[in-house]
Every structure is written in C-alpha cells, then in structure tokens.
Amino acid sequence: MIGLYNAGNILNEDEMPLKTLETICQRIAQNPHIRRLSLEAQPKFIDEKKLRRISSILGGREIELGM
C-alpha cells in the first residue's frame, strides 16, 4: 500500500493538478508490489469521474479514501 497526502486535499485540482496525480498513478502502476493506493480527500472534492480515471490508470488496484 502507498498513501498520497498533501497539506490540504489531494483531489482538489487547485492543490494537486489532475495531470500530476495521473502521472504519480502511472508510476505506481509500474510497481507490481503496490496493490492499494490510499488518498485523503474532503467529500466535496470526491468526484466519480476522477476516481474512475485514477482507477483505470492503476489497473485494478484498490483505492482507499480517507476523509
């Protein structure tokens, strides 16, 4: 498992551009030992479209959301 956190909200595009998060997820997807990604996000920034995009990049790895 790997956790991604910042000082604010990882799914807020003003704090973490989606392109940057996608690039990080691509790197994670290259490592077969990482089976789960943990993200910290406020509910108002959780977006099904973003999560589907991240999930598709991760290739079926589990996504855990902390609020």
C-alpha atoms as a PDB file:
ATOM      1  CA  MET A   1       0.000   0.000   0.000  1.00  0.00           C
ATOM      2  CA  ILE A   2       1.091   3.546  -0.665  1.00  0.00           C
ATOM      3  CA  GLY A   3      -0.555   6.672   0.692  1.00  0.00           C
ATOM      4  CA  LEU A   4      -0.703  10.034  -1.046  1.00  0.00           C
ATOM      5  CA  TYR A   5      -1.314  13.035   1.154  1.00  0.00           C
ATOM      6  CA  ASN A   6      -0.598  16.728   0.949  1.00  0.00           C
ATOM      7  CA  ALA A   7      -1.134  19.551   3.403  1.00  0.00           C
ATOM      8  CA  GLY A   8      -4.628  20.043   2.001  1.00  0.00           C
ATOM      9  CA  ASN A   9      -6.757  17.881  -0.251  1.00  0.00           C
ATOM     10  CA  ILE A  10      -5.229  15.531  -2.815  1.00  0.00           C
ATOM     11  CA  LEU A  11      -8.332  15.628  -5.082  1.00  0.00           C
ATOM     12  CA  ASN A  12      -8.595  19.424  -5.105  1.00  0.00           C
ATOM     13  CA  GLU A  13      -7.177  20.380  -8.505  1.00  0.00           C
ATOM     14  CA  ASP A  14      -6.103  23.782  -7.156  1.00  0.00           C
ATOM     15  CA  GLU A  15      -3.750  21.927  -4.799  1.00  0.00           C
ATOM     16  CA  MET A  16      -2.856  18.885  -6.926  1.00  0.00           C
ATOM     17  CA  PRO A  17      -3.466  19.160 -10.673  1.00  0.00           C
ATOM     18  CA  LEU A  18      -5.163  16.051 -12.071  1.00  0.00           C
ATOM     19  CA  LYS A  19      -2.347  15.609 -14.606  1.00  0.00           C
ATOM     20  CA  THR A  20       0.172  15.425 -11.750  1.00  0.00           C
ATOM     21  CA  LEU A  21      -1.934  12.875  -9.877  1.00  0.00           C
ATOM     22  CA  GLU A  22      -2.289  10.842 -13.086  1.00  0.00           C
ATOM     23  CA  THR A  23       1.493  10.844 -13.551  1.00  0.00           C
ATOM     24  CA  ILE A  24       2.008   9.642  -9.975  1.00  0.00           C
ATOM     25  CA  CYS A  25      -0.569   6.895 -10.523  1.00  0.00           C
ATOM     26  CA  GLN A  26       1.205   5.802 -13.713  1.00  0.00           C
ATOM     27  CA  ARG A  27       4.417   5.381 -11.724  1.00  0.00           C
ATOM     28  CA  ILE A  28       2.558   3.403  -9.049  1.00  0.00           C
ATOM     29  CA  ALA A  29       1.017   1.172 -11.726  1.00  0.00           C
ATOM     30  CA  GLN A  30       4.511   0.201 -12.866  1.00  0.00           C
ATOM     31  CA  ASN A  31       5.262  -1.353  -9.478  1.00  0.00           C
ATOM     32  CA  PRO A  32       3.645  -4.792  -9.096  1.00  0.00           C
ATOM     33  CA  HIS A  33       4.247  -4.777  -5.336  1.00  0.00           C
ATOM     34  CA  ILE A  34       1.854  -1.871  -4.730  1.00  0.00           C
ATOM     35  CA  ARG A  35      -1.669  -3.252  -4.512  1.00  0.00           C
ATOM     36  CA  ARG A  36      -3.514  -0.371  -2.882  1.00  0.00           C
ATOM     37  CA  LEU A  37      -3.460   3.422  -3.081  1.00  0.00           C
ATOM     38  CA  SER A  38      -4.704   5.462  -0.133  1.00  0.00           C
ATOM     39  CA  LEU A  39      -5.870   9.030  -0.779  1.00  0.00           C
ATOM     40  CA  GLU A  40      -7.007  11.671   1.687  1.00  0.00           C
ATOM     41  CA  ALA A  41      -9.822  13.866   0.416  1.00  0.00           C
ATOM     42  CA  GLN A  42     -12.665  16.027   1.611  1.00  0.00           C
ATOM     43  CA  PRO A  43     -16.043  14.707   0.457  1.00  0.00           C
ATOM     44  CA  LYS A  44     -16.788  17.819  -1.628  1.00  0.00           C
ATOM     45  CA  PHE A  45     -13.778  17.034  -3.860  1.00  0.00           C
ATOM     46  CA  ILE A  46     -14.511  13.347  -4.407  1.00  0.00           C
ATOM     47  CA  ASP A  47     -15.641  13.011  -7.985  1.00  0.00           C
ATOM     48  CA  GLU A  48     -16.649   9.723  -9.615  1.00  0.00           C
ATOM     49  CA  LYS A  49     -15.056  10.730 -12.938  1.00  0.00           C
ATOM     50  CA  LYS A  50     -11.682  11.418 -11.266  1.00  0.00           C
ATOM     51  CA  LEU A  51     -11.818   8.167  -9.326  1.00  0.00           C
ATOM     52  CA  ARG A  52     -12.631   6.172 -12.460  1.00  0.00           C
ATOM     53  CA  ARG A  53      -9.725   7.806 -14.280  1.00  0.00           C
ATOM     54  CA  ILE A  54      -7.332   7.065 -11.419  1.00  0.00           C
ATOM     55  CA  SER A  55      -8.649   3.512 -11.159  1.00  0.00           C
ATOM     56  CA  SER A  56      -8.138   2.880 -14.862  1.00  0.00           C
ATOM     57  CA  ILE A  57      -4.542   4.117 -14.665  1.00  0.00           C
ATOM     58  CA  LEU A  58      -3.864   1.926 -11.623  1.00  0.00           C
ATOM     59  CA  GLY A  59      -5.027  -1.162 -13.470  1.00  0.00           C
ATOM     60  CA  GLY A  60      -7.451  -2.550 -10.937  1.00  0.00           C
ATOM     61  CA  ARG A  61      -5.544  -1.738  -7.767  1.00  0.00           C
ATOM     62  CA  GLU A  62      -7.653  -0.929  -4.751  1.00  0.00           C
ATOM     63  CA  ILE A  63      -8.250   2.753  -3.907  1.00  0.00           C
ATOM     64  CA  GLU A  64      -8.826   3.665  -0.283  1.00  0.00           C
ATOM     65  CA  LEU A  65     -10.309   7.072   0.558  1.00  0.00           C
ATOM     66  CA  GLY A  66      -9.713   8.752   3.894  1.00  0.00           C
ATOM     67  CA  MET A  67     -11.902  11.724   4.778  1.00  0.00           C
END
